[in-house]
Every structure is written in structure tokens, then in C-alpha cells.
């Protein structure tokens, strides 16, 4: 196990460098001048602009800037905002709790509702319930997230008044259920379909016939044997999707006015704060890489036959 973890950590290094380099080059190749934007509508002072570029290292070649950024990251420095000179680490620390609460609820909804729908559909494959669940999940997959967000906000928030249409306090979990449901809608549809497929395949496996032949009760056959063995592809998807939740929260947090990571990225893009976008995306990449490692290690828990050398 230790050798496997060490190899995976070494494999993360080129992935991290490659992904952060792509993001860095994309952000700093966008048209426009972030230093010029500091003057707004006023005529810029060329001498002042040159001094600011020199102080920030923006007059260096792009790869030199990236190297300086990369060495800073390994020292825990995510850089500073160009306009306010605020530490990007502070921006992340301030926005992260709201996003973690939102993604945590979204992951809970995805796991409980998605797996539940998939289990019911798989156990009743070919029936009306199965076809109904497949139709609902296909509808959720087909509709864009921002459309689902505005529909849920209008119907559940404004018309029925069941939930707050706009989050006033992102520390109140009761106000986060609606945006969490929007964020989870697409993922729970995929989880439901993936669980259903896995359940249908495993129901025909030899170990299921053996369990029934031994006279085990139905709840034990389904809960211990069928569901556990069907969860490996689902756990893989949920682990990868946790990183997607953080990245996909840009739209959801914007609709419901949540001051999280997604909203911070949106504001940074609007203000042409490329350094902030790169810093936040770098943090998400690190989280994503470690989540995939944890998911791989969970395979051995779900299936004792799996061994890591």
C-alpha cells in the first residue's frame, strides 16, 4: 500500500504542473491589460504602469512568471491580487467554508437520492418505475444547470415559499438546500443511471445466485452483497464529481448569491484578476488530485479482493 501511495504522489507532480501551466497560459494570454484596468476610465500613467509591472514581475517572460508562481505555490504562497494586493490565500480561506458547506450538501443529496433511485430502478428493471426514473434522469441530464437553477428558484422559492430563493446567510444549512439540490441535479442523475446499470449486471452474477441458494434474507443479499459490489463505479464517479462540484459552483453560487469559491472566480474574471483565478483553480486542482487518490484507496474497502502493490 505504501509503495502504491508513493507512486501515485509522484504521478501527481507532472499532472499538477501540466494543468496549472495550461491555466496560467490561458489566463495570461487573454486580451487586455490588467495593469491598464487599474486606471479605469482615466488616462493611464505609462511610467507608473511600467513600475507596477516591474514590481509584480509582469515584465518577465511568461514562462519565468510561471516558474516564479510555481515556486511560490510550493512555499504556500498563492500570490496576490493585482488591484487590492490582497493575499489570494486569504480570498480562498474566506470563500472556502461556504463552498464546502454547499458541496457537502450536494454530495449528500447525490449519494442518497442518486443511489436510492438507481437501486429502485435496478431492482425493478424493465418496469414502469424503472422507465419513470430513467425519464427523470434523462431530463435532468438534458437541461442546463442555469435553467434548472432558475426553475427551482422560481417554483420552490418564490411560488411555494418552501426555501429561500436567495441565500442570505451561507452559514445556515437550511438556506443551502435549494442551491445544493440544483448543484446535485446533474450528478444524481448520472449516479442513478450508473447505479442502476451496476445493479442489473450484478444481479446476474454467480455470487448472487449462491447467496439466494444459501437462504440469506433479501435485505442482506441486497444490502451486503449486491449494493456493496455495485458501489465501486459509483464511488469513482462521486470522488471525481466532488472536484466538479467545486468547479461547477460558479453558476450555482452566482444564481443564489453565495459568497463561495465559484463566486470568487466569477468576480475575479469580471475584474480581470487573472492571478486570483489561477490561484483558486490551482487550489481546486490540488483538492481534485488528493480526492482521486482517496477514492482509489477506498476500492480496497469496498472489494477486499483488490490489493495494491
C-alpha atoms as a PDB file:
ATOM      1  CA  UNK A   1       0.000   0.000   0.000  1.00  0.00           C
ATOM      2  CA  UNK A   2       2.782   2.434   0.921  1.00  0.00           C
ATOM      3  CA  UNK A   3       4.599   1.911  -2.386  1.00  0.00           C
ATOM      4  CA  UNK A   4       1.353   2.452  -4.291  1.00  0.00           C
ATOM      5  CA  UNK A   5       0.653   5.724  -2.455  1.00  0.00           C
ATOM      6  CA  UNK A   6       4.210   6.908  -3.110  1.00  0.00           C
ATOM      7  CA  UNK A   7       3.871   6.146  -6.841  1.00  0.00           C
ATOM      8  CA  UNK A   8       0.549   7.973  -7.002  1.00  0.00           C
ATOM      9  CA  UNK A   9       2.028  11.029  -5.276  1.00  0.00           C
ATOM     10  CA  UNK A  10       4.894  11.075  -7.780  1.00  0.00           C
ATOM     11  CA  UNK A  11       2.409  10.785 -10.649  1.00  0.00           C
ATOM     12  CA  UNK A  12       0.567  13.822  -9.312  1.00  0.00           C
ATOM     13  CA  UNK A  13       3.563  16.091  -9.883  1.00  0.00           C
ATOM     14  CA  UNK A  14       3.522  16.155 -13.725  1.00  0.00           C
ATOM     15  CA  UNK A  15      -0.283  16.283 -13.708  1.00  0.00           C
ATOM     16  CA  UNK A  16      -0.193  19.264 -11.365  1.00  0.00           C
ATOM     17  CA  UNK A  17       2.485  21.071 -13.371  1.00  0.00           C
ATOM     18  CA  UNK A  18       0.754  20.414 -16.696  1.00  0.00           C
ATOM     19  CA  UNK A  19      -2.711  21.505 -15.554  1.00  0.00           C
ATOM     20  CA  UNK A  20      -1.523  24.640 -13.750  1.00  0.00           C
ATOM     21  CA  UNK A  21       0.644  25.594 -16.740  1.00  0.00           C
ATOM     22  CA  UNK A  22      -2.354  25.350 -19.075  1.00  0.00           C
ATOM     23  CA  UNK A  23      -4.494  27.504 -16.759  1.00  0.00           C
ATOM     24  CA  UNK A  24      -1.671  30.017 -16.314  1.00  0.00           C
ATOM     25  CA  UNK A  25      -1.063  30.362 -20.046  1.00  0.00           C
ATOM     26  CA  UNK A  26      -4.792  30.644 -20.778  1.00  0.00           C
ATOM     27  CA  UNK A  27      -5.384  33.412 -18.237  1.00  0.00           C
ATOM     28  CA  UNK A  28      -2.353  35.475 -19.196  1.00  0.00           C
ATOM     29  CA  UNK A  29      -3.000  35.146 -22.926  1.00  0.00           C
ATOM     30  CA  UNK A  30      -6.421  36.793 -22.669  1.00  0.00           C
ATOM     31  CA  UNK A  31      -6.708  40.147 -24.457  1.00  0.00           C
ATOM     32  CA  UNK A  32      -6.487  43.282 -22.361  1.00  0.00           C
ATOM     33  CA  UNK A  33      -4.068  44.679 -19.808  1.00  0.00           C
ATOM     34  CA  UNK A  34      -4.872  44.128 -16.097  1.00  0.00           C
ATOM     35  CA  UNK A  35      -2.499  46.953 -15.136  1.00  0.00           C
ATOM     36  CA  UNK A  36      -4.243  49.328 -17.521  1.00  0.00           C
ATOM     37  CA  UNK A  37      -7.556  48.315 -15.947  1.00  0.00           C
ATOM     38  CA  UNK A  38      -6.410  49.789 -12.624  1.00  0.00           C
ATOM     39  CA  UNK A  39      -6.915  53.283 -14.075  1.00  0.00           C
ATOM     40  CA  UNK A  40     -10.497  52.588 -15.117  1.00  0.00           C
ATOM     41  CA  UNK A  41     -11.775  55.339 -17.403  1.00  0.00           C
ATOM     42  CA  UNK A  42      -8.865  57.657 -16.619  1.00  0.00           C
ATOM     43  CA  UNK A  43      -5.828  58.074 -18.841  1.00  0.00           C
ATOM     44  CA  UNK A  44      -3.066  55.777 -17.540  1.00  0.00           C
ATOM     45  CA  UNK A  45       0.355  56.963 -16.451  1.00  0.00           C
ATOM     46  CA  UNK A  46       2.816  54.965 -18.563  1.00  0.00           C
ATOM     47  CA  UNK A  47       5.658  55.416 -16.071  1.00  0.00           C
ATOM     48  CA  UNK A  48       3.511  54.203 -13.193  1.00  0.00           C
ATOM     49  CA  UNK A  49       2.325  51.265 -15.265  1.00  0.00           C
ATOM     50  CA  UNK A  50       5.925  50.287 -16.014  1.00  0.00           C
ATOM     51  CA  UNK A  51       6.837  50.477 -12.318  1.00  0.00           C
ATOM     52  CA  UNK A  52       3.880  48.318 -11.314  1.00  0.00           C
ATOM     53  CA  UNK A  53       4.723  45.721 -13.968  1.00  0.00           C
ATOM     54  CA  UNK A  54       8.317  45.614 -12.786  1.00  0.00           C
ATOM     55  CA  UNK A  55       7.302  45.316  -9.135  1.00  0.00           C
ATOM     56  CA  UNK A  56       4.869  42.495  -9.871  1.00  0.00           C
ATOM     57  CA  UNK A  57       7.228  40.730 -12.261  1.00  0.00           C
ATOM     58  CA  UNK A  58       4.779  41.094 -15.153  1.00  0.00           C
ATOM     59  CA  UNK A  59       7.511  42.329 -17.476  1.00  0.00           C
ATOM     60  CA  UNK A  60       9.297  38.954 -17.229  1.00  0.00           C
ATOM     61  CA  UNK A  61       8.824  36.287 -19.923  1.00  0.00           C
ATOM     62  CA  UNK A  62       5.661  34.261 -19.382  1.00  0.00           C
ATOM     63  CA  UNK A  63       7.471  31.021 -18.513  1.00  0.00           C
ATOM     64  CA  UNK A  64       9.613  32.900 -15.974  1.00  0.00           C
ATOM     65  CA  UNK A  65       6.420  34.255 -14.416  1.00  0.00           C
ATOM     66  CA  UNK A  66       5.040  30.729 -14.248  1.00  0.00           C
ATOM     67  CA  UNK A  67       8.210  29.396 -12.636  1.00  0.00           C
ATOM     68  CA  UNK A  68       8.072  32.134 -10.007  1.00  0.00           C
ATOM     69  CA  UNK A  69       4.415  31.321  -9.391  1.00  0.00           C
ATOM     70  CA  UNK A  70       5.128  27.582  -9.145  1.00  0.00           C
ATOM     71  CA  UNK A  71       7.965  28.016  -6.645  1.00  0.00           C
ATOM     72  CA  UNK A  72       5.701  30.257  -4.600  1.00  0.00           C
ATOM     73  CA  UNK A  73       2.948  27.611  -4.586  1.00  0.00           C
ATOM     74  CA  UNK A  74       5.290  25.008  -3.102  1.00  0.00           C
ATOM     75  CA  UNK A  75       6.025  27.526  -0.349  1.00  0.00           C
ATOM     76  CA  UNK A  76       2.316  28.035   0.340  1.00  0.00           C
ATOM     77  CA  UNK A  77       2.095  31.368  -1.494  1.00  0.00           C
ATOM     78  CA  UNK A  78      -0.793  31.562  -3.971  1.00  0.00           C
ATOM     79  CA  UNK A  79       0.119  35.118  -4.976  1.00  0.00           C
ATOM     80  CA  UNK A  80      -1.628  38.455  -4.548  1.00  0.00           C
ATOM     81  CA  UNK A  81      -4.451  40.241  -6.278  1.00  0.00           C
ATOM     82  CA  UNK A  82      -3.230  42.888  -8.697  1.00  0.00           C
ATOM     83  CA  UNK A  83      -5.741  45.566  -7.728  1.00  0.00           C
ATOM     84  CA  UNK A  84      -6.050  45.232  -3.943  1.00  0.00           C
ATOM     85  CA  UNK A  85      -2.723  43.445  -3.262  1.00  0.00           C
ATOM     86  CA  UNK A  86      -4.678  41.093  -1.053  1.00  0.00           C
ATOM     87  CA  UNK A  87      -3.300  37.597  -0.476  1.00  0.00           C
ATOM     88  CA  UNK A  88      -5.116  35.105  -2.706  1.00  0.00           C
ATOM     89  CA  UNK A  89      -4.788  32.561   0.109  1.00  0.00           C
ATOM     90  CA  UNK A  90      -6.970  34.871   2.223  1.00  0.00           C
ATOM     91  CA  UNK A  91      -9.539  35.057  -0.589  1.00  0.00           C
ATOM     92  CA  UNK A  92      -9.655  31.253  -0.730  1.00  0.00           C
ATOM     93  CA  UNK A  93      -9.838  30.919   3.056  1.00  0.00           C
ATOM     94  CA  UNK A  94     -12.741  33.351   3.206  1.00  0.00           C
ATOM     95  CA  UNK A  95     -14.735  31.749   0.370  1.00  0.00           C
ATOM     96  CA  UNK A  96     -13.940  28.069   1.003  1.00  0.00           C
ATOM     97  CA  UNK A  97     -16.242  27.385   4.020  1.00  0.00           C
ATOM     98  CA  UNK A  98     -19.386  28.382   2.091  1.00  0.00           C
ATOM     99  CA  UNK A  99     -18.394  26.206  -0.866  1.00  0.00           C
ATOM    100  CA  UNK A 100     -17.582  23.257   1.399  1.00  0.00           C
ATOM    101  CA  UNK A 101     -20.996  23.502   3.036  1.00  0.00           C
ATOM    102  CA  UNK A 102     -22.688  23.723  -0.369  1.00  0.00           C
ATOM    103  CA  UNK A 103     -20.715  20.869  -1.937  1.00  0.00           C
ATOM    104  CA  UNK A 104     -21.135  18.730   1.173  1.00  0.00           C
ATOM    105  CA  UNK A 105     -24.916  19.019   0.978  1.00  0.00           C
ATOM    106  CA  UNK A 106     -24.821  18.463  -2.792  1.00  0.00           C
ATOM    107  CA  UNK A 107     -22.708  15.324  -2.341  1.00  0.00           C
ATOM    108  CA  UNK A 108     -25.106  14.040   0.339  1.00  0.00           C
ATOM    109  CA  UNK A 109     -28.110  14.609  -1.950  1.00  0.00           C
ATOM    110  CA  UNK A 110     -26.307  12.979  -4.872  1.00  0.00           C
ATOM    111  CA  UNK A 111     -25.292   9.912  -2.875  1.00  0.00           C
ATOM    112  CA  UNK A 112     -28.585   9.336  -1.056  1.00  0.00           C
ATOM    113  CA  UNK A 113     -31.060  10.257  -3.791  1.00  0.00           C
ATOM    114  CA  UNK A 114     -28.969   9.046  -6.735  1.00  0.00           C
ATOM    115  CA  UNK A 115     -28.061   5.674  -5.243  1.00  0.00           C
ATOM    116  CA  UNK A 116     -31.614   5.229  -3.934  1.00  0.00           C
ATOM    117  CA  UNK A 117     -33.164   5.919  -7.339  1.00  0.00           C
ATOM    118  CA  UNK A 118     -30.637   3.668  -9.055  1.00  0.00           C
ATOM    119  CA  UNK A 119     -31.241   0.830  -6.586  1.00  0.00           C
ATOM    120  CA  UNK A 120     -35.012   1.016  -7.037  1.00  0.00           C
ATOM    121  CA  UNK A 121     -34.681   1.171 -10.829  1.00  0.00           C
ATOM    122  CA  UNK A 122     -32.201  -1.721 -10.899  1.00  0.00           C
ATOM    123  CA  UNK A 123     -34.347  -3.963  -8.719  1.00  0.00           C
ATOM    124  CA  UNK A 124     -37.376  -3.219 -10.913  1.00  0.00           C
ATOM    125  CA  UNK A 125     -35.585  -3.192 -14.256  1.00  0.00           C
ATOM    126  CA  UNK A 126     -37.965  -3.094 -17.197  1.00  0.00           C
ATOM    127  CA  UNK A 127     -40.952  -1.969 -15.147  1.00  0.00           C
ATOM    128  CA  UNK A 128     -42.841   1.321 -15.028  1.00  0.00           C
ATOM    129  CA  UNK A 129     -40.808   2.585 -12.065  1.00  0.00           C
ATOM    130  CA  UNK A 130     -37.575   1.880 -13.922  1.00  0.00           C
ATOM    131  CA  UNK A 131     -38.769   3.701 -17.039  1.00  0.00           C
ATOM    132  CA  UNK A 132     -40.013   6.640 -14.965  1.00  0.00           C
ATOM    133  CA  UNK A 133     -36.662   7.037 -13.191  1.00  0.00           C
ATOM    134  CA  UNK A 134     -34.772   6.791 -16.481  1.00  0.00           C
ATOM    135  CA  UNK A 135     -37.018   9.506 -17.941  1.00  0.00           C
ATOM    136  CA  UNK A 136     -36.476  11.839 -14.971  1.00  0.00           C
ATOM    137  CA  UNK A 137     -32.702  11.346 -15.018  1.00  0.00           C
ATOM    138  CA  UNK A 138     -32.553  11.901 -18.784  1.00  0.00           C
ATOM    139  CA  UNK A 139     -34.499  15.144 -18.304  1.00  0.00           C
ATOM    140  CA  UNK A 140     -32.055  16.338 -15.626  1.00  0.00           C
ATOM    141  CA  UNK A 141     -29.085  15.496 -17.845  1.00  0.00           C
ATOM    142  CA  UNK A 142     -30.589  17.342 -20.826  1.00  0.00           C
ATOM    143  CA  UNK A 143     -31.429  20.632 -19.079  1.00  0.00           C
ATOM    144  CA  UNK A 144     -28.554  23.103 -18.433  1.00  0.00           C
ATOM    145  CA  UNK A 145     -27.716  23.829 -14.792  1.00  0.00           C
ATOM    146  CA  UNK A 146     -28.545  27.535 -15.004  1.00  0.00           C
ATOM    147  CA  UNK A 147     -32.026  26.684 -16.340  1.00  0.00           C
ATOM    148  CA  UNK A 148     -32.591  24.189 -13.507  1.00  0.00           C
ATOM    149  CA  UNK A 149     -31.396  26.822 -11.048  1.00  0.00           C
ATOM    150  CA  UNK A 150     -33.836  29.496 -12.182  1.00  0.00           C
ATOM    151  CA  UNK A 151     -36.726  26.985 -12.396  1.00  0.00           C
ATOM    152  CA  UNK A 152     -36.103  25.706  -8.859  1.00  0.00           C
ATOM    153  CA  UNK A 153     -35.615  29.241  -7.586  1.00  0.00           C
ATOM    154  CA  UNK A 154     -38.878  30.460  -9.130  1.00  0.00           C
ATOM    155  CA  UNK A 155     -41.005  27.437  -8.239  1.00  0.00           C
ATOM    156  CA  UNK A 156     -39.722  26.283  -4.832  1.00  0.00           C
ATOM    157  CA  UNK A 157     -38.540  29.690  -3.653  1.00  0.00           C
ATOM    158  CA  UNK A 158     -40.903  32.367  -4.986  1.00  0.00           C
ATOM    159  CA  UNK A 159     -44.139  30.456  -5.676  1.00  0.00           C
ATOM    160  CA  UNK A 160     -44.248  27.775  -2.985  1.00  0.00           C
ATOM    161  CA  UNK A 161     -42.033  29.553  -0.460  1.00  0.00           C
ATOM    162  CA  UNK A 162     -40.556  26.258   0.751  1.00  0.00           C
ATOM    163  CA  UNK A 163     -36.978  27.536   0.605  1.00  0.00           C
ATOM    164  CA  UNK A 164     -35.144  30.836   0.424  1.00  0.00           C
ATOM    165  CA  UNK A 165     -34.828  31.889  -3.254  1.00  0.00           C
ATOM    166  CA  UNK A 166     -31.626  33.820  -2.445  1.00  0.00           C
ATOM    167  CA  UNK A 167     -29.217  32.788   0.293  1.00  0.00           C
ATOM    168  CA  UNK A 168     -28.968  35.485   2.945  1.00  0.00           C
ATOM    169  CA  UNK A 169     -26.679  33.591   5.321  1.00  0.00           C
ATOM    170  CA  UNK A 170     -24.445  30.915   3.808  1.00  0.00           C
ATOM    171  CA  UNK A 171     -23.702  29.562   7.298  1.00  0.00           C
ATOM    172  CA  UNK A 172     -27.340  28.479   7.625  1.00  0.00           C
ATOM    173  CA  UNK A 173     -27.646  24.982   6.164  1.00  0.00           C
ATOM    174  CA  UNK A 174     -31.415  25.389   5.829  1.00  0.00           C
ATOM    175  CA  UNK A 175     -30.871  28.107   3.206  1.00  0.00           C
ATOM    176  CA  UNK A 176     -28.369  25.977   1.258  1.00  0.00           C
ATOM    177  CA  UNK A 177     -30.677  23.047   0.482  1.00  0.00           C
ATOM    178  CA  UNK A 178     -32.116  24.621  -2.675  1.00  0.00           C
ATOM    179  CA  UNK A 179     -28.762  25.587  -4.286  1.00  0.00           C
ATOM    180  CA  UNK A 180     -27.341  22.219  -3.186  1.00  0.00           C
ATOM    181  CA  UNK A 181     -30.228  20.477  -4.952  1.00  0.00           C
ATOM    182  CA  UNK A 182     -29.508  22.486  -8.109  1.00  0.00           C
ATOM    183  CA  UNK A 183     -25.802  21.686  -7.921  1.00  0.00           C
ATOM    184  CA  UNK A 184     -26.539  17.992  -7.352  1.00  0.00           C
ATOM    185  CA  UNK A 185     -29.222  17.593 -10.042  1.00  0.00           C
ATOM    186  CA  UNK A 186     -26.944  16.597 -12.904  1.00  0.00           C
ATOM    187  CA  UNK A 187     -24.714  14.377 -10.767  1.00  0.00           C
ATOM    188  CA  UNK A 188     -27.534  12.493  -9.062  1.00  0.00           C
ATOM    189  CA  UNK A 189     -28.965  11.701 -12.500  1.00  0.00           C
ATOM    190  CA  UNK A 190     -25.657  10.146 -13.573  1.00  0.00           C
ATOM    191  CA  UNK A 191     -25.291   8.329 -10.235  1.00  0.00           C
ATOM    192  CA  UNK A 192     -28.813   6.917 -10.537  1.00  0.00           C
ATOM    193  CA  UNK A 193     -28.191   5.595 -14.047  1.00  0.00           C
ATOM    194  CA  UNK A 194     -24.744   4.255 -13.114  1.00  0.00           C
ATOM    195  CA  UNK A 195     -26.116   2.521 -10.009  1.00  0.00           C
ATOM    196  CA  UNK A 196     -29.000   1.030 -11.979  1.00  0.00           C
ATOM    197  CA  UNK A 197     -26.663  -0.403 -14.621  1.00  0.00           C
ATOM    198  CA  UNK A 198     -24.335  -1.856 -11.993  1.00  0.00           C
ATOM    199  CA  UNK A 199     -27.242  -3.345 -10.023  1.00  0.00           C
ATOM    200  CA  UNK A 200     -28.719  -5.005 -13.137  1.00  0.00           C
ATOM    201  CA  UNK A 201     -25.337  -6.510 -14.065  1.00  0.00           C
ATOM    202  CA  UNK A 202     -24.531  -7.785 -10.567  1.00  0.00           C
ATOM    203  CA  UNK A 203     -27.971  -9.346 -10.057  1.00  0.00           C
ATOM    204  CA  UNK A 204     -26.977 -11.927 -12.658  1.00  0.00           C
ATOM    205  CA  UNK A 205     -23.610 -12.702 -11.038  1.00  0.00           C
ATOM    206  CA  UNK A 206     -22.778 -16.122  -9.607  1.00  0.00           C
ATOM    207  CA  UNK A 207     -22.315 -14.860  -6.059  1.00  0.00           C
ATOM    208  CA  UNK A 208     -25.908 -13.555  -6.080  1.00  0.00           C
ATOM    209  CA  UNK A 209     -27.255 -16.993  -7.026  1.00  0.00           C
ATOM    210  CA  UNK A 210     -25.106 -18.524  -4.305  1.00  0.00           C
ATOM    211  CA  UNK A 211     -26.406 -16.056  -1.713  1.00  0.00           C
ATOM    212  CA  UNK A 212     -30.009 -16.840  -2.641  1.00  0.00           C
ATOM    213  CA  UNK A 213     -29.306 -20.572  -2.608  1.00  0.00           C
ATOM    214  CA  UNK A 214     -27.905 -20.279   0.933  1.00  0.00           C
ATOM    215  CA  UNK A 215     -31.247 -18.843   2.033  1.00  0.00           C
ATOM    216  CA  UNK A 216     -29.958 -15.435   3.091  1.00  0.00           C
ATOM    217  CA  UNK A 217     -32.668 -12.822   3.780  1.00  0.00           C
ATOM    218  CA  UNK A 218     -33.421 -10.398   0.959  1.00  0.00           C
ATOM    219  CA  UNK A 219     -32.230  -7.305   2.851  1.00  0.00           C
ATOM    220  CA  UNK A 220     -28.832  -8.938   3.464  1.00  0.00           C
ATOM    221  CA  UNK A 221     -28.492 -10.061  -0.151  1.00  0.00           C
ATOM    222  CA  UNK A 222     -29.268  -6.562  -1.428  1.00  0.00           C
ATOM    223  CA  UNK A 223     -27.525  -4.517   1.252  1.00  0.00           C
ATOM    224  CA  UNK A 224     -24.348  -6.528   1.802  1.00  0.00           C
ATOM    225  CA  UNK A 225     -23.734  -8.416  -1.430  1.00  0.00           C
ATOM    226  CA  UNK A 226     -25.495  -6.603  -4.277  1.00  0.00           C
ATOM    227  CA  UNK A 227     -25.198  -2.961  -3.235  1.00  0.00           C
ATOM    228  CA  UNK A 228     -21.648  -3.162  -1.910  1.00  0.00           C
ATOM    229  CA  UNK A 229     -20.300  -4.756  -5.075  1.00  0.00           C
ATOM    230  CA  UNK A 230     -22.222  -2.288  -7.214  1.00  0.00           C
ATOM    231  CA  UNK A 231     -20.740   0.767  -5.479  1.00  0.00           C
ATOM    232  CA  UNK A 232     -17.213   0.656  -6.949  1.00  0.00           C
ATOM    233  CA  UNK A 233     -18.032   2.605 -10.167  1.00  0.00           C
ATOM    234  CA  UNK A 234     -20.355   4.892  -8.175  1.00  0.00           C
ATOM    235  CA  UNK A 235     -17.644   5.750  -5.636  1.00  0.00           C
ATOM    236  CA  UNK A 236     -15.293   6.523  -8.521  1.00  0.00           C
ATOM    237  CA  UNK A 237     -17.823   8.913 -10.012  1.00  0.00           C
ATOM    238  CA  UNK A 238     -18.625  10.583  -6.664  1.00  0.00           C
ATOM    239  CA  UNK A 239     -14.954  11.128  -5.900  1.00  0.00           C
ATOM    240  CA  UNK A 240     -14.287  12.744  -9.252  1.00  0.00           C
ATOM    241  CA  UNK A 241     -17.538  14.689  -9.026  1.00  0.00           C
ATOM    242  CA  UNK A 242     -16.574  16.331  -5.732  1.00  0.00           C
ATOM    243  CA  UNK A 243     -13.956  18.311  -7.644  1.00  0.00           C
ATOM    244  CA  UNK A 244     -16.551  19.062 -10.310  1.00  0.00           C
ATOM    245  CA  UNK A 245     -18.902  20.380  -7.615  1.00  0.00           C
ATOM    246  CA  UNK A 246     -16.308  22.949  -6.569  1.00  0.00           C
ATOM    247  CA  UNK A 247     -15.666  23.973 -10.165  1.00  0.00           C
ATOM    248  CA  UNK A 248     -19.334  23.902 -11.173  1.00  0.00           C
ATOM    249  CA  UNK A 249     -20.397  26.034  -8.226  1.00  0.00           C
ATOM    250  CA  UNK A 250     -19.632  29.166 -10.277  1.00  0.00           C
ATOM    251  CA  UNK A 251     -23.115  29.173 -11.845  1.00  0.00           C
ATOM    252  CA  UNK A 252     -25.000  27.960  -8.768  1.00  0.00           C
ATOM    253  CA  UNK A 253     -23.322  30.379  -6.367  1.00  0.00           C
ATOM    254  CA  UNK A 254     -23.968  33.209  -8.801  1.00  0.00           C
ATOM    255  CA  UNK A 255     -27.690  32.408  -9.056  1.00  0.00           C
ATOM    256  CA  UNK A 256     -28.194  32.118  -5.294  1.00  0.00           C
ATOM    257  CA  UNK A 257     -25.711  34.832  -4.238  1.00  0.00           C
ATOM    258  CA  UNK A 258     -23.418  32.559  -2.223  1.00  0.00           C
ATOM    259  CA  UNK A 259     -20.016  34.016  -1.388  1.00  0.00           C
ATOM    260  CA  UNK A 260     -18.025  30.888  -2.141  1.00  0.00           C
ATOM    261  CA  UNK A 261     -15.186  29.763  -4.383  1.00  0.00           C
ATOM    262  CA  UNK A 262     -17.325  29.853  -7.533  1.00  0.00           C
ATOM    263  CA  UNK A 263     -18.492  33.401  -6.879  1.00  0.00           C
ATOM    264  CA  UNK A 264     -14.901  34.468  -6.156  1.00  0.00           C
ATOM    265  CA  UNK A 265     -13.839  33.094  -9.566  1.00  0.00           C
ATOM    266  CA  UNK A 266     -16.711  34.925 -11.263  1.00  0.00           C
ATOM    267  CA  UNK A 267     -15.828  38.236  -9.593  1.00  0.00           C
ATOM    268  CA  UNK A 268     -12.143  37.766 -10.430  1.00  0.00           C
ATOM    269  CA  UNK A 269     -12.952  37.149 -14.100  1.00  0.00           C
ATOM    270  CA  UNK A 270     -15.168  40.245 -14.196  1.00  0.00           C
ATOM    271  CA  UNK A 271     -12.379  42.336 -12.625  1.00  0.00           C
ATOM    272  CA  UNK A 272      -9.688  40.767 -14.863  1.00  0.00           C
ATOM    273  CA  UNK A 273      -7.871  39.427 -11.784  1.00  0.00           C
ATOM    274  CA  UNK A 274      -6.098  36.601 -13.581  1.00  0.00           C
ATOM    275  CA  UNK A 275      -3.840  35.890 -10.605  1.00  0.00           C
ATOM    276  CA  UNK A 276      -6.902  35.214  -8.421  1.00  0.00           C
ATOM    277  CA  UNK A 277      -8.413  32.834 -10.978  1.00  0.00           C
ATOM    278  CA  UNK A 278      -5.135  30.931 -11.350  1.00  0.00           C
ATOM    279  CA  UNK A 279      -4.702  30.693  -7.569  1.00  0.00           C
ATOM    280  CA  UNK A 280      -8.217  29.401  -6.939  1.00  0.00           C
ATOM    281  CA  UNK A 281      -8.059  26.915  -9.826  1.00  0.00           C
ATOM    282  CA  UNK A 282      -4.687  25.686  -8.551  1.00  0.00           C
ATOM    283  CA  UNK A 283      -6.249  25.029  -5.156  1.00  0.00           C
ATOM    284  CA  UNK A 284      -9.119  23.103  -6.800  1.00  0.00           C
ATOM    285  CA  UNK A 285      -6.590  21.021  -8.791  1.00  0.00           C
ATOM    286  CA  UNK A 286      -4.775  20.045  -5.576  1.00  0.00           C
ATOM    287  CA  UNK A 287      -8.065  19.052  -3.922  1.00  0.00           C
ATOM    288  CA  UNK A 288      -9.079  17.085  -7.009  1.00  0.00           C
ATOM    289  CA  UNK A 289      -5.803  15.136  -7.133  1.00  0.00           C
ATOM    290  CA  UNK A 290      -5.971  14.104  -3.485  1.00  0.00           C
ATOM    291  CA  UNK A 291      -9.635  13.129  -3.761  1.00  0.00           C
ATOM    292  CA  UNK A 292      -8.826  10.764  -6.640  1.00  0.00           C
ATOM    293  CA  UNK A 293      -6.099   9.181  -4.502  1.00  0.00           C
ATOM    294  CA  UNK A 294      -8.529   8.655  -1.611  1.00  0.00           C
ATOM    295  CA  UNK A 295     -11.106   7.164  -3.982  1.00  0.00           C
ATOM    296  CA  UNK A 296      -8.566   4.664  -5.299  1.00  0.00           C
ATOM    297  CA  UNK A 297      -7.732   3.608  -1.738  1.00  0.00           C
ATOM    298  CA  UNK A 298     -11.435   3.138  -0.963  1.00  0.00           C
ATOM    299  CA  UNK A 299     -11.628   0.385  -3.597  1.00  0.00           C
ATOM    300  CA  UNK A 300      -9.878  -1.998  -1.201  1.00  0.00           C
ATOM    301  CA  UNK A 301     -12.521  -1.233   1.431  1.00  0.00           C
ATOM    302  CA  UNK A 302     -15.396  -1.980  -0.923  1.00  0.00           C
ATOM    303  CA  UNK A 303     -13.778  -5.032  -2.517  1.00  0.00           C
ATOM    304  CA  UNK A 304     -11.310  -6.978  -0.309  1.00  0.00           C
ATOM    305  CA  UNK A 305     -10.041  -8.804  -3.413  1.00  0.00           C
ATOM    306  CA  UNK A 306      -8.302  -5.596  -4.536  1.00  0.00           C
ATOM    307  CA  UNK A 307      -4.697  -5.346  -3.373  1.00  0.00           C
ATOM    308  CA  UNK A 308      -2.220  -2.542  -4.022  1.00  0.00           C
ATOM    309  CA  UNK A 309       1.413  -3.458  -4.571  1.00  0.00           C
END
